[in-house]
Each structure stands twice: as structure tokens, then as C-alpha cells.
Amino acid sequence: MRKTLSLAGLAAVIAGIGTLLPALAPDVAAETPSAAPAQTAPSCALQGWPYYDPSCLRSPSGNVRPVRIIAIDRVQAGR
């Protein structure tokens, strides 16, 4: 019985510390993120699919750039 009461008391102390510990933490001020510097021309090599800038989809002469399409047949042969 003594062991049970000791464990219950220890659990209460740990719960109390866990409850009061966040109150002792310093306050954090929220800030808005700074704006990224504006780029004059997008770097098409750094953009990932499907988020391409529209100017990256055409060549400088105005022609549509060829795109390679990879189709994956997901139907199993045994079905």
C-alpha cells in the first residue's frame, strides 16, 4: 500500500510539473514572414511539375515546347 501511495504521489507531482512548466516559458511574439524578392524572369529549371510558370511553357520565339508524356498502364495482366 505504501508503494502504491508513493507512485500515486509521484504521478501527481509529474502531472503538476507538466501542467505548470509551460506557464514558465517566455512569451513568443508572432511575426509575419518577409516578402521574397521579386524576380524579373522565372528560373524554369528550378520549377517543379505541375507548377510551371506560363512563360516556361513556350520558347522565346512563341512556339509551344514539346512535352514528353509518360503513360503508366495500371491494369494488371491477370485480371
Protein backbone atom coordinates (compact mmCIF):
# COMPACT_ATOMS: atom_id res chain seq x y z
CA MET A 1 0.00 0.00 0.00
CA ARG A 2 2.86 2.33 0.81
CA LYS A 3 4.37 1.69 -2.64
CA THR A 4 1.03 2.45 -4.33
CA LEU A 5 0.65 5.75 -2.48
CA SER A 6 4.24 6.70 -3.32
CA LEU A 7 3.64 6.03 -7.02
CA ALA A 8 0.37 7.98 -6.96
CA GLY A 9 2.12 10.91 -5.29
CA LEU A 10 4.96 10.78 -7.82
CA ALA A 11 2.46 10.72 -10.68
CA ALA A 12 0.70 13.76 -9.20
CA VAL A 13 3.99 15.65 -8.91
CA ILE A 14 4.95 14.83 -12.50
CA ALA A 15 1.49 15.88 -13.75
CA GLY A 16 1.75 19.13 -11.79
CA ILE A 17 5.18 19.90 -13.23
CA GLY A 18 3.91 19.14 -16.73
CA THR A 19 0.98 21.48 -16.18
CA LEU A 20 2.95 24.38 -14.71
CA LEU A 21 6.06 24.17 -16.90
CA PRO A 22 4.51 25.87 -19.98
CA ALA A 23 3.49 28.83 -17.79
CA LEU A 24 7.17 29.49 -17.03
CA ALA A 25 8.18 29.60 -20.71
CA PRO A 26 8.85 33.04 -22.22
CA ASP A 27 6.21 34.61 -24.46
CA VAL A 28 6.74 34.36 -28.19
CA ALA A 29 5.85 37.25 -30.48
CA ALA A 30 4.24 36.35 -33.79
CA GLU A 31 5.74 37.94 -36.87
CA THR A 32 4.67 38.00 -40.48
CA PRO A 33 7.13 36.45 -42.91
CA SER A 34 9.11 38.89 -45.01
CA ALA A 35 8.23 39.06 -48.67
CA ALA A 36 10.53 37.27 -51.06
CA PRO A 37 12.39 39.49 -53.52
CA ALA A 38 10.61 39.75 -56.83
CA GLN A 39 12.32 38.02 -59.73
CA THR A 40 12.30 39.59 -63.15
CA ALA A 41 12.30 36.26 -65.02
CA PRO A 42 11.38 32.89 -63.51
CA SER A 43 14.05 30.22 -63.49
CA CYS A 44 12.35 27.42 -65.39
CA ALA A 45 14.96 24.89 -64.29
CA LEU A 46 14.02 25.41 -60.64
CA GLN A 47 10.28 24.92 -61.10
CA GLY A 48 8.70 21.54 -60.50
CA TRP A 49 5.75 19.89 -62.13
CA PRO A 50 2.87 20.89 -62.18
CA TYR A 51 3.72 24.41 -61.01
CA TYR A 52 5.34 25.78 -64.15
CA ASP A 53 5.20 29.48 -64.86
CA PRO A 54 3.29 30.09 -68.13
CA SER A 55 6.36 31.75 -69.65
CA CYS A 56 8.29 28.48 -69.22
CA LEU A 57 5.82 26.57 -71.41
CA ARG A 58 6.73 28.47 -74.58
CA SER A 59 10.06 29.05 -76.26
CA PRO A 60 11.31 32.63 -76.73
CA SER A 61 10.02 32.57 -80.34
CA GLY A 62 6.49 31.82 -79.07
CA ASN A 63 6.30 28.16 -80.07
CA VAL A 64 4.94 25.61 -77.66
CA ARG A 65 7.73 23.48 -76.27
CA PRO A 66 7.41 19.72 -76.83
CA VAL A 67 6.39 17.78 -73.77
CA ARG A 68 7.10 14.11 -73.16
CA ILE A 69 4.10 12.24 -71.73
CA ILE A 70 4.67 9.01 -69.86
CA ALA A 71 1.58 6.83 -69.50
CA ILE A 72 1.59 4.03 -66.96
CA ASP A 73 -0.88 1.23 -67.52
CA ARG A 74 -2.01 0.23 -64.05
CA VAL A 75 -4.30 -2.62 -65.16
CA GLN A 76 -2.93 -5.97 -64.04
CA ALA A 77 -2.44 -8.56 -66.78
CA GLY A 78 -4.06 -11.37 -64.75
CA ARG A 79 -7.43 -9.71 -64.29
